[in-house]
């Protein structure tokens, strides 16, 4: 891994009939019991690009059990009524490149705060990309309602060139992580081709997937052939897009291939997209992280972002120092600009080519504050050419397809889990309306805006300096 890489580690509503919960639907009771009614709300179901106006959605024990016109559906007498007038209800979002802190000072208190930051921003599912044994118990605690947090899918500890230096070590790591109950394997840089091939073979045997970085010795085409479940950061793509006649030192690729950007032939993107789609490999671009890398914004200016107050001072100060170091060693501005341009073209081409995209920002990573960075990520991929609806699909319906739980989540539909976010504006018109939700429901627990603001204020006060 390079030193630089180490530094960053209103639409018309069609007619709709009222619905009730069918016995063959995928939702099961959540840990939090109770009945809630979102009354006279505009629903953004995310099954297609549409808004269902003047609806009532009834939730019982974490499941959507009824949905219909507000003037036709009777609200149960025992329901907690949530006024939806002028508001928009959509599925909760997913952060598909999340990090959950390890035990800190002997406790999981900081991890619990990070989980809350995700939920506070409407994120109801996360994929933890750097696992730890403590996360297995945490996953169960969240599911049982003992800890407030999003649904957690967790990798095992990092598999990289240092932790897995040989083929035998790779076989052992995959076997152990599968037996421990992790959801997938996280790959970091440095794996040799021999170790990766062994990992790939054993993963098939124990039926566990792998995702993450594409080690240099492995390369994108081998990653697609394996295949990876997802490639994160668009890792490996810059290398295969280099023009045939370019004279470039591929060993000096820099941060996710940034130094290669001036030598890219964009006509090669179409083939890369076709190969990705044929392989069935998903991509998590984490574009906001890359744009943070490319900007000349000072460390001091970044530290003034409002959401940074929710980060412990020692971590915040570390980000400042790392950014100063990065800015002193950064590639030329035109190289960084070209790097972002190529990535935007690739993201748009993957979307247009039906090669699956998943929403992820790599939080908490440098300046990517959990939950808040998702808004930056959504804005980044919209700038890359996706519509607000297409961007939101990457964090809702696509996620359900990726995990194979389409019957359980991803849309606002009778029979689905009530992982929901209530917004003050239509996100299909302006993606910015996703920010600052009016309330969030996860695992059947309703967290209104007032409760969100109170806990955010408490976290900020604890970290004030």
Protein backbone atom coordinates (compact mmCIF):
# COMPACT_ATOMS: atom_id res chain seq x y z
CA UNK A 1 0.00 0.00 0.00
CA UNK A 2 1.31 3.46 -0.86
CA UNK A 3 1.90 6.07 1.82
CA UNK A 4 -0.87 8.15 0.29
CA UNK A 5 -3.36 5.28 0.45
CA UNK A 6 -2.44 4.72 4.07
CA UNK A 7 -3.44 8.32 4.82
CA UNK A 8 -7.08 7.79 3.92
CA UNK A 9 -7.66 4.34 5.48
CA UNK A 10 -42.81 15.87 -7.10
CA UNK A 11 -44.17 13.41 -9.40
CA UNK A 12 -47.85 12.56 -10.02
CA UNK A 13 -49.17 9.67 -7.97
CA UNK A 14 -50.86 6.83 -9.85
CA UNK A 15 -53.90 5.09 -8.46
CA UNK A 16 -53.11 2.71 -5.62
CA UNK A 17 -55.25 0.29 -3.69
CA UNK A 18 -55.11 -0.26 0.03
CA UNK A 19 -53.09 -3.28 1.08
CA UNK A 20 -52.80 -5.56 4.06
CA UNK A 21 -50.05 -7.93 5.11
CA UNK A 22 -50.03 -11.20 3.21
CA UNK A 23 -48.93 -14.35 5.00
CA UNK A 24 -46.19 -15.14 2.49
CA UNK A 25 -44.37 -11.80 2.80
CA UNK A 26 -40.84 -11.58 4.10
CA UNK A 27 -41.16 -9.46 7.24
CA UNK A 28 -40.87 -11.01 10.68
CA UNK A 29 -41.63 -9.28 13.95
CA UNK A 30 -38.99 -6.84 15.11
CA UNK A 31 -37.65 -6.53 18.67
CA UNK A 32 -39.68 -3.36 19.32
CA UNK A 33 -43.41 -3.95 19.63
CA UNK A 34 -46.08 -1.41 18.86
CA UNK A 35 -48.28 0.03 16.15
CA UNK A 36 -47.53 3.25 14.30
CA UNK A 37 -49.42 5.11 11.58
CA UNK A 38 -47.78 7.58 9.20
CA UNK A 39 -50.90 9.58 8.33
CA UNK A 40 -51.47 11.61 5.16
CA UNK A 41 -47.89 11.21 3.97
CA UNK A 42 -46.39 11.20 0.49
CA UNK A 43 -44.73 7.82 -0.04
CA UNK A 44 -41.61 7.40 -2.17
CA UNK A 45 -41.79 3.60 -2.46
CA UNK A 46 -38.61 3.20 -4.60
CA UNK A 47 -40.16 0.39 -6.62
CA UNK A 48 -40.18 2.84 -9.51
CA UNK A 49 -39.74 6.59 -9.89
CA UNK A 50 -43.00 7.78 -8.40
CA UNK A 51 -44.62 9.43 -5.39
CA UNK A 52 -47.86 8.14 -3.84
CA UNK A 53 -49.60 11.13 -2.32
CA UNK A 54 -51.98 11.37 0.65
CA UNK A 55 -51.22 7.90 1.94
CA UNK A 56 -51.38 6.26 5.34
CA UNK A 57 -48.81 3.60 6.19
CA UNK A 58 -49.41 1.36 9.20
CA UNK A 59 -46.55 -0.42 10.93
CA UNK A 60 -46.96 -3.17 13.50
CA UNK A 61 -44.02 -4.70 15.38
CA UNK A 62 -41.53 -3.53 12.76
CA UNK A 63 -43.50 -4.65 9.69
CA UNK A 64 -45.50 -2.62 7.18
CA UNK A 65 -48.93 -4.21 7.53
CA UNK A 66 -51.20 -1.78 5.67
CA UNK A 67 -50.86 1.03 3.19
CA UNK A 68 -53.60 2.95 1.43
CA UNK A 69 -55.27 6.27 0.75
CA UNK A 70 -55.45 8.41 3.86
CA UNK A 71 -59.18 9.02 3.36
CA UNK A 72 -59.89 5.30 3.00
CA UNK A 73 -57.68 3.53 5.55
CA UNK A 74 -58.75 3.35 9.18
CA UNK A 75 -55.99 3.96 11.69
CA UNK A 76 -56.01 1.42 14.54
CA UNK A 77 -57.06 2.95 17.84
CA UNK A 78 -53.87 1.82 19.57
CA UNK A 79 -51.54 3.27 16.93
CA UNK A 80 -49.09 6.07 17.58
CA UNK A 81 -50.01 8.61 14.92
CA UNK A 82 -47.20 10.37 13.04
CA UNK A 83 -48.35 13.40 11.09
CA UNK A 84 -47.09 13.03 7.52
CA UNK A 85 -48.68 16.12 5.98
CA UNK A 86 -46.15 17.79 3.70
CA UNK A 87 -43.59 15.06 4.37
CA UNK A 88 -42.16 12.17 2.35
CA UNK A 89 -41.68 8.59 3.54
CA UNK A 90 -39.06 6.40 1.85
CA UNK A 91 -37.04 3.29 2.67
CA UNK A 92 -34.08 3.73 4.96
CA UNK A 93 -30.73 4.05 3.23
CA UNK A 94 -27.69 1.78 3.43
CA UNK A 95 -24.04 2.66 3.95
CA UNK A 96 -22.33 -0.15 2.08
CA UNK A 97 -18.78 0.83 3.01
CA UNK A 98 -19.14 1.48 6.71
CA UNK A 99 -16.68 1.09 9.53
CA UNK A 100 -17.74 0.18 13.04
CA UNK A 101 -15.21 1.08 15.75
CA UNK A 102 -13.54 -1.61 17.78
CA UNK A 103 -13.70 -1.53 21.59
CA UNK A 104 -12.19 1.76 22.75
CA UNK A 105 -10.94 2.27 26.30
CA UNK A 106 -12.39 -1.12 27.12
CA UNK A 107 -15.94 -0.30 26.05
CA UNK A 108 -18.11 -0.16 22.94
CA UNK A 109 -19.46 3.30 23.84
CA UNK A 110 -17.85 5.00 20.85
CA UNK A 111 -19.14 2.28 18.53
CA UNK A 112 -22.65 2.90 19.89
CA UNK A 113 -22.28 6.62 19.13
CA UNK A 114 -21.16 5.87 15.57
CA UNK A 115 -24.13 3.55 15.08
CA UNK A 116 -26.42 6.34 16.24
CA UNK A 117 -24.85 8.82 13.78
CA UNK A 118 -25.75 6.44 10.97
CA UNK A 119 -29.36 6.11 12.16
CA UNK A 120 -29.69 9.86 12.78
CA UNK A 121 -29.09 10.37 9.07
CA UNK A 122 -31.61 7.83 7.84
CA UNK A 123 -29.21 4.92 7.42
CA UNK A 124 -30.90 1.71 8.53
CA UNK A 125 -28.46 -0.85 7.07
CA UNK A 126 -24.67 -0.85 7.13
CA UNK A 127 -22.01 -3.20 5.80
CA UNK A 128 -19.06 -3.15 8.19
CA UNK A 129 -15.87 -3.31 6.14
CA UNK A 130 -13.30 -3.94 8.86
CA UNK A 131 -14.60 -6.55 11.24
CA UNK A 132 -13.66 -7.45 14.79
CA UNK A 133 -14.87 -10.26 17.07
CA UNK A 134 -16.80 -7.70 19.13
CA UNK A 135 -18.90 -6.90 16.07
CA UNK A 136 -20.44 -10.37 16.07
CA UNK A 137 -22.01 -9.77 19.48
CA UNK A 138 -22.87 -6.20 18.49
CA UNK A 139 -24.74 -7.51 15.44
CA UNK A 140 -26.91 -9.62 17.72
CA UNK A 141 -27.45 -6.83 20.24
CA UNK A 142 -28.73 -4.52 17.51
CA UNK A 143 -31.06 -7.21 16.13
CA UNK A 144 -32.44 -7.86 19.61
CA UNK A 145 -33.10 -4.17 20.20
CA UNK A 146 -30.54 -3.91 23.00
CA UNK A 147 -28.44 -1.35 21.09
CA UNK A 148 -29.84 1.29 18.74
CA UNK A 149 -28.26 0.91 15.35
CA UNK A 150 -28.74 -0.04 11.71
CA UNK A 151 -28.92 -3.64 10.55
CA UNK A 152 -25.31 -4.77 10.53
CA UNK A 153 -23.62 -7.04 8.02
CA UNK A 154 -20.02 -7.47 9.08
CA UNK A 155 -16.82 -8.71 7.52
CA UNK A 156 -14.16 -10.46 9.47
CA UNK A 157 -10.79 -8.89 10.28
CA UNK A 158 -8.86 -7.56 7.28
CA UNK A 159 -7.27 -10.07 4.91
CA UNK A 160 -4.18 -8.38 3.48
CA UNK A 161 -0.59 -8.95 2.54
CA UNK A 162 0.58 -8.84 6.15
CA UNK A 163 -2.21 -10.80 7.84
CA UNK A 164 -2.29 -13.40 5.06
CA UNK A 165 1.20 -13.67 3.56
CA UNK A 166 0.82 -17.21 2.16
CA UNK A 167 -1.73 -19.44 0.49
CA UNK A 168 -1.96 -21.57 3.61
CA UNK A 169 -2.62 -18.50 5.75
CA UNK A 170 -5.36 -17.48 3.32
CA UNK A 171 -7.05 -20.86 3.56
CA UNK A 172 -6.90 -20.73 7.34
CA UNK A 173 -8.26 -17.16 7.55
CA UNK A 174 -11.24 -17.89 5.32
CA UNK A 175 -12.08 -21.10 7.16
CA UNK A 176 -11.86 -19.45 10.57
CA UNK A 177 -13.92 -16.43 9.57
CA UNK A 178 -16.59 -18.59 8.02
CA UNK A 179 -16.81 -20.73 11.16
CA UNK A 180 -16.94 -17.64 13.38
CA UNK A 181 -20.05 -16.43 11.60
CA UNK A 182 -18.85 -13.34 9.78
CA UNK A 183 -20.98 -12.37 6.78
CA UNK A 184 -18.12 -11.98 4.30
CA UNK A 185 -14.36 -11.55 3.89
CA UNK A 186 -12.80 -8.07 3.55
CA UNK A 187 -9.81 -7.87 1.21
CA UNK A 188 -7.20 -5.17 1.62
CA UNK A 189 -4.09 -4.52 -0.53
CA UNK A 190 -0.95 -6.62 -0.57
CA UNK A 191 -2.30 -10.13 -1.19
CA UNK A 192 -0.19 -12.17 -3.56
CA UNK A 193 -1.87 -13.88 -6.48
CA UNK A 194 -1.12 -17.26 -4.90
CA UNK A 195 -2.77 -16.27 -1.62
CA UNK A 196 -5.78 -14.81 -3.41
CA UNK A 197 -6.29 -17.91 -5.52
CA UNK A 198 -6.27 -20.01 -2.35
CA UNK A 199 -8.72 -17.61 -0.68
CA UNK A 200 -11.03 -17.78 -3.69
CA UNK A 201 -11.06 -21.57 -3.71
CA UNK A 202 -11.74 -21.97 0.01
CA UNK A 203 -14.40 -19.23 0.01
CA UNK A 204 -16.35 -21.25 -2.55
CA UNK A 205 -16.08 -24.34 -0.36
CA UNK A 206 -17.28 -22.63 2.84
CA UNK A 207 -19.82 -20.52 0.92
CA UNK A 208 -18.65 -17.12 2.04
CA UNK A 209 -18.22 -14.11 -0.25
CA UNK A 210 -15.44 -11.53 -0.33
CA UNK A 211 -15.29 -7.85 -1.19
CA UNK A 212 -13.15 -4.75 -0.97
CA UNK A 213 -9.86 -3.69 -2.53
CA UNK A 214 -8.22 -5.28 -5.57
CA UNK A 215 -4.57 -6.09 -4.73
CA UNK A 216 -2.09 -5.12 -7.44
CA UNK A 217 -0.91 -8.69 -7.86
CA UNK A 218 -4.51 -9.82 -8.39
CA UNK A 219 -5.77 -7.17 -10.82
CA UNK A 220 -9.26 -6.28 -11.90
CA UNK A 221 -9.79 -9.04 -14.44
CA UNK A 222 -8.98 -11.79 -11.92
CA UNK A 223 -11.23 -10.02 -9.40
CA UNK A 224 -14.10 -10.10 -11.89
CA UNK A 225 -13.43 -13.73 -12.75
CA UNK A 226 -13.48 -14.84 -9.10
CA UNK A 227 -15.93 -13.03 -8.75
CA UNK A 228 -15.84 -10.46 -5.97
CA UNK A 229 -19.21 -9.71 -4.39
CA UNK A 230 -18.30 -6.04 -4.66
CA UNK A 231 -15.29 -3.99 -5.62
CA UNK A 232 -14.96 -0.95 -3.43
CA UNK A 233 -13.54 2.47 -4.38
CA UNK A 234 -13.56 1.41 -8.09
CA UNK A 235 -10.23 -0.15 -7.21
CA UNK A 236 -8.33 -1.62 -10.15
CA UNK A 237 -10.28 0.12 -12.89
CA UNK A 238 -7.84 2.94 -13.56
CA UNK A 239 -5.13 0.44 -14.45
CA UNK A 240 -7.14 -1.31 -17.19
CA UNK A 241 -8.20 2.01 -18.71
CA UNK A 242 -4.65 3.12 -19.55
CA UNK A 243 -4.21 3.89 -23.24
CA UNK A 244 -2.41 1.16 -25.16
CA UNK A 245 0.36 3.50 -26.31
CA UNK A 246 0.85 5.18 -22.92
CA UNK A 247 4.29 5.02 -21.38
CA UNK A 248 3.57 4.98 -17.67
CA UNK A 249 5.03 3.46 -14.55
CA UNK A 250 2.17 1.34 -13.24
CA UNK A 251 4.06 0.73 -9.99
CA UNK A 252 3.66 4.43 -9.18
CA UNK A 253 -0.13 4.44 -9.57
CA UNK A 254 -0.69 6.37 -6.34
CA UNK A 255 -3.96 6.69 -4.45
CA UNK A 256 -6.39 4.30 -6.21
CA UNK A 257 -4.60 4.92 -9.49
CA UNK A 258 -4.79 8.72 -9.38
CA UNK A 259 -1.37 9.11 -11.03
CA UNK A 260 -2.59 7.01 -13.97
CA UNK A 261 -5.53 9.30 -14.74
CA UNK A 262 -3.73 11.47 -17.34
CA UNK A 263 -3.00 8.31 -19.35
CA UNK A 264 -6.57 6.95 -19.45
CA UNK A 265 -8.33 6.18 -22.71
CA UNK A 266 -12.03 6.65 -21.87
CA UNK A 267 -13.08 4.60 -24.90
CA UNK A 268 -12.04 1.57 -22.84
CA UNK A 269 -14.73 2.23 -20.23
CA UNK A 270 -17.43 0.50 -22.29
CA UNK A 271 -15.52 -2.79 -22.29
CA UNK A 272 -14.78 -2.52 -18.57
CA UNK A 273 -18.47 -1.97 -17.86
CA UNK A 274 -19.53 -4.89 -20.06
CA UNK A 275 -17.04 -7.18 -18.31
CA UNK A 276 -18.26 -6.03 -14.91
CA UNK A 277 -21.89 -6.61 -15.78
CA UNK A 278 -21.16 -10.05 -17.25
CA UNK A 279 -19.33 -11.01 -14.05
CA UNK A 280 -22.21 -9.84 -11.85
CA UNK A 281 -19.84 -7.81 -9.70
CA UNK A 282 -21.18 -4.77 -7.84
CA UNK A 283 -19.23 -1.55 -7.26
CA UNK A 284 -19.21 0.80 -4.27
CA UNK A 285 -17.54 3.95 -5.65
CA UNK A 286 -17.02 5.94 -2.39
CA UNK A 287 -16.75 8.95 -4.68
CA UNK A 288 -17.02 11.51 -1.90
CA UNK A 289 -13.82 10.14 -0.37
CA UNK A 290 -12.02 10.54 -3.68
CA UNK A 291 -13.28 14.08 -4.14
CA UNK A 292 -12.05 14.90 -0.66
CA UNK A 293 -8.67 13.57 -1.75
CA UNK A 294 -8.71 15.75 -4.87
CA UNK A 295 -9.60 19.10 -3.31
CA UNK A 296 -7.19 21.76 -2.08
CA UNK A 297 -9.45 22.66 0.84
CA UNK A 298 -7.30 23.25 3.91
CA UNK A 299 -7.33 20.97 6.92
CA UNK A 300 -8.51 23.87 9.07
CA UNK A 301 -11.48 24.54 6.75
CA UNK A 302 -12.48 20.89 6.79
CA UNK A 303 -12.32 20.86 10.56
CA UNK A 304 -14.98 23.60 10.58
CA UNK A 305 -17.58 21.45 8.85
CA UNK A 306 -20.62 21.25 11.17
CA UNK A 307 -20.67 17.46 11.37
CA UNK A 308 -17.06 17.24 12.56
CA UNK A 309 -18.21 18.22 16.05
CA UNK A 310 -19.50 14.65 16.43
CA UNK A 311 -15.98 13.21 16.13
CA UNK A 312 -13.70 12.77 19.18
CA UNK A 313 -11.02 15.49 19.36
CA UNK A 314 -8.09 13.09 19.10
CA UNK A 315 -9.49 11.60 15.89
CA UNK A 316 -10.33 15.05 14.53
CA UNK A 317 -6.82 16.29 15.26
CA UNK A 318 -5.37 13.24 13.57
CA UNK A 319 -7.40 14.02 10.45
CA UNK A 320 -5.98 17.56 10.44
CA UNK A 321 -2.39 16.34 10.58
CA UNK A 322 -2.92 13.66 7.93
CA UNK A 323 -4.56 16.19 5.62
CA UNK A 324 -1.65 18.62 6.00
CA UNK A 325 0.75 15.81 5.13
CA UNK A 326 -1.38 14.78 2.19
CA UNK A 327 -1.63 18.30 0.78
CA UNK A 328 2.14 18.66 0.92
CA UNK A 329 2.63 15.48 -1.14
CA UNK A 330 -0.43 15.62 -3.41
CA UNK A 331 -0.20 15.06 -7.17
CA UNK A 332 -0.59 18.15 -9.39
CA UNK A 333 -4.04 19.73 -9.46
CA UNK A 334 -4.64 18.81 -13.10
CA UNK A 335 -3.90 15.14 -12.34
CA UNK A 336 -6.36 15.15 -9.46
CA UNK A 337 -8.97 16.89 -11.60
CA UNK A 338 -8.57 14.29 -14.35
CA UNK A 339 -8.81 11.51 -11.74
CA UNK A 340 -12.23 12.76 -10.66
CA UNK A 341 -13.40 13.25 -14.26
CA UNK A 342 -12.52 9.68 -15.21
CA UNK A 343 -14.22 8.28 -12.14
CA UNK A 344 -17.39 10.27 -12.88
CA UNK A 345 -17.44 8.92 -16.41
CA UNK A 346 -16.98 5.39 -15.10
CA UNK A 347 -19.75 5.73 -12.49
CA UNK A 348 -22.19 7.02 -15.11
CA UNK A 349 -21.22 4.25 -17.53
CA UNK A 350 -21.68 1.56 -14.86
CA UNK A 351 -25.14 2.95 -14.13
CA UNK A 352 -26.13 3.17 -17.79
CA UNK A 353 -24.68 -0.28 -18.47
CA UNK A 354 -26.72 -1.90 -15.68
CA UNK A 355 -23.56 -2.91 -13.83
CA UNK A 356 -24.74 -2.65 -10.25
CA UNK A 357 -23.84 0.30 -8.04
CA UNK A 358 -24.14 0.39 -4.25
CA UNK A 359 -24.11 3.46 -2.03
CA UNK A 360 -21.14 3.86 0.28
CA UNK A 361 -18.90 6.65 1.50
CA UNK A 362 -16.27 4.91 3.68
CA UNK A 363 -17.23 6.31 7.07
CA UNK A 364 -15.81 7.05 9.53
CA UNK A 365 -12.85 7.72 7.28
CA UNK A 366 -10.90 10.95 7.11
CA UNK A 367 -13.50 13.80 7.04
CA UNK A 368 -16.29 11.31 6.31
CA UNK A 369 -18.42 11.58 9.43
CA UNK A 370 -20.78 8.60 9.77
CA UNK A 371 -24.19 9.27 8.30
CA UNK A 372 -23.44 12.83 7.30
CA UNK A 373 -20.99 11.69 4.64
CA UNK A 374 -23.82 9.81 2.91
CA UNK A 375 -25.32 13.14 1.87
CA UNK A 376 -21.99 14.09 0.32
CA UNK A 377 -21.86 10.72 -1.45
CA UNK A 378 -25.35 11.10 -2.88
CA UNK A 379 -24.47 14.57 -4.15
CA UNK A 380 -21.24 13.24 -5.69
CA UNK A 381 -22.91 10.52 -7.71
CA UNK A 382 -25.65 12.89 -8.84
CA UNK A 383 -22.92 15.21 -10.12
CA UNK A 384 -21.50 12.16 -11.93
CA UNK A 385 -24.73 12.00 -13.92
CA UNK A 386 -27.19 9.85 -11.97
CA UNK A 387 -30.66 11.22 -11.34
CA UNK A 388 -31.72 11.59 -7.69
CA UNK A 389 -33.91 8.52 -8.12
CA UNK A 390 -31.03 6.47 -9.57
CA UNK A 391 -28.77 7.60 -6.76
CA UNK A 392 -31.30 6.58 -4.13
CA UNK A 393 -31.78 3.17 -5.74
CA UNK A 394 -28.10 2.43 -5.05
CA UNK A 395 -28.82 2.78 -1.33
CA UNK A 396 -32.23 1.08 -1.17
CA UNK A 397 -33.49 -1.44 -3.72
CA UNK A 398 -30.04 -2.36 -5.04
CA UNK A 399 -28.91 -3.17 -1.52
CA UNK A 400 -31.80 -5.59 -1.01
CA UNK A 401 -30.95 -7.30 -4.30
CA UNK A 402 -27.26 -7.50 -3.34
CA UNK A 403 -28.04 -9.20 -0.02
CA UNK A 404 -30.80 -11.37 -1.51
CA UNK A 405 -33.48 -9.93 0.77
CA UNK A 406 -35.79 -8.28 -1.80
CA UNK A 407 -38.79 -9.82 0.00
CA UNK A 408 -37.77 -8.11 3.24
CA UNK A 409 -36.51 -4.60 2.51
CA UNK A 410 -35.60 -2.02 -0.10
CA UNK A 411 -39.04 -0.59 -0.88
CA UNK A 412 -42.01 0.81 1.03
CA UNK A 413 -44.35 -2.10 0.42
CA UNK A 414 -46.85 -4.03 2.52
CA UNK A 415 -45.04 -7.02 3.98
CA UNK A 416 -41.59 -5.38 4.08
CA UNK A 417 -39.61 -4.38 7.13
CA UNK A 418 -40.44 -0.90 8.36
CA UNK A 419 -36.93 0.50 7.97
CA UNK A 420 -38.10 3.97 7.03
CA UNK A 421 -37.01 7.59 6.91
CA UNK A 422 -39.38 10.57 7.00
CA UNK A 423 -38.21 13.62 5.05
CA UNK A 424 -39.36 17.23 4.86
CA UNK A 425 -39.04 17.42 1.05
CA UNK A 426 -39.25 15.26 -2.05
CA UNK A 427 -35.85 13.58 -2.56
CA UNK A 428 -36.68 12.73 -6.17
CA UNK A 429 -36.70 16.43 -6.98
CA UNK A 430 -33.73 17.49 -4.89
CA UNK A 431 -31.31 14.99 -3.42
CA UNK A 432 -30.54 17.50 -0.64
CA UNK A 433 -33.91 16.68 0.91
CA UNK A 434 -32.40 13.43 2.24
CA UNK A 435 -30.46 15.44 4.84
CA UNK A 436 -31.82 16.09 8.33
CA UNK A 437 -34.67 13.57 8.40
CA UNK A 438 -37.79 14.33 10.39
CA UNK A 439 -37.56 10.87 11.90
CA UNK A 440 -36.23 7.37 11.35
CA UNK A 441 -37.68 3.93 12.03
CA UNK A 442 -35.43 0.88 12.35
CA UNK A 443 -36.23 -2.54 13.82
CA UNK A 444 -39.67 -1.14 14.73
CA UNK A 445 -38.30 1.71 16.85
CA UNK A 446 -39.40 5.23 15.91
CA UNK A 447 -36.81 7.95 16.53
CA UNK A 448 -38.36 11.40 15.97
CA UNK A 449 -36.37 14.51 15.09
CA UNK A 450 -36.45 15.85 18.63
CA UNK A 451 -34.83 12.72 20.01
CA UNK A 452 -32.23 12.77 17.23
CA UNK A 453 -31.31 16.38 17.94
CA UNK A 454 -31.06 15.78 21.68
CA UNK A 455 -28.60 12.94 21.34
CA UNK A 456 -26.58 14.75 18.67
CA UNK A 457 -26.27 17.70 21.02
CA UNK A 458 -25.10 15.39 23.79
CA UNK A 459 -22.41 13.85 21.59
CA UNK A 460 -21.23 17.28 20.42
CA UNK A 461 -21.06 18.57 23.99
CA UNK A 462 -18.95 15.61 25.07
CA UNK A 463 -16.44 16.29 22.29
CA UNK A 464 -16.34 20.10 22.53
CA UNK A 465 -12.88 21.55 23.10
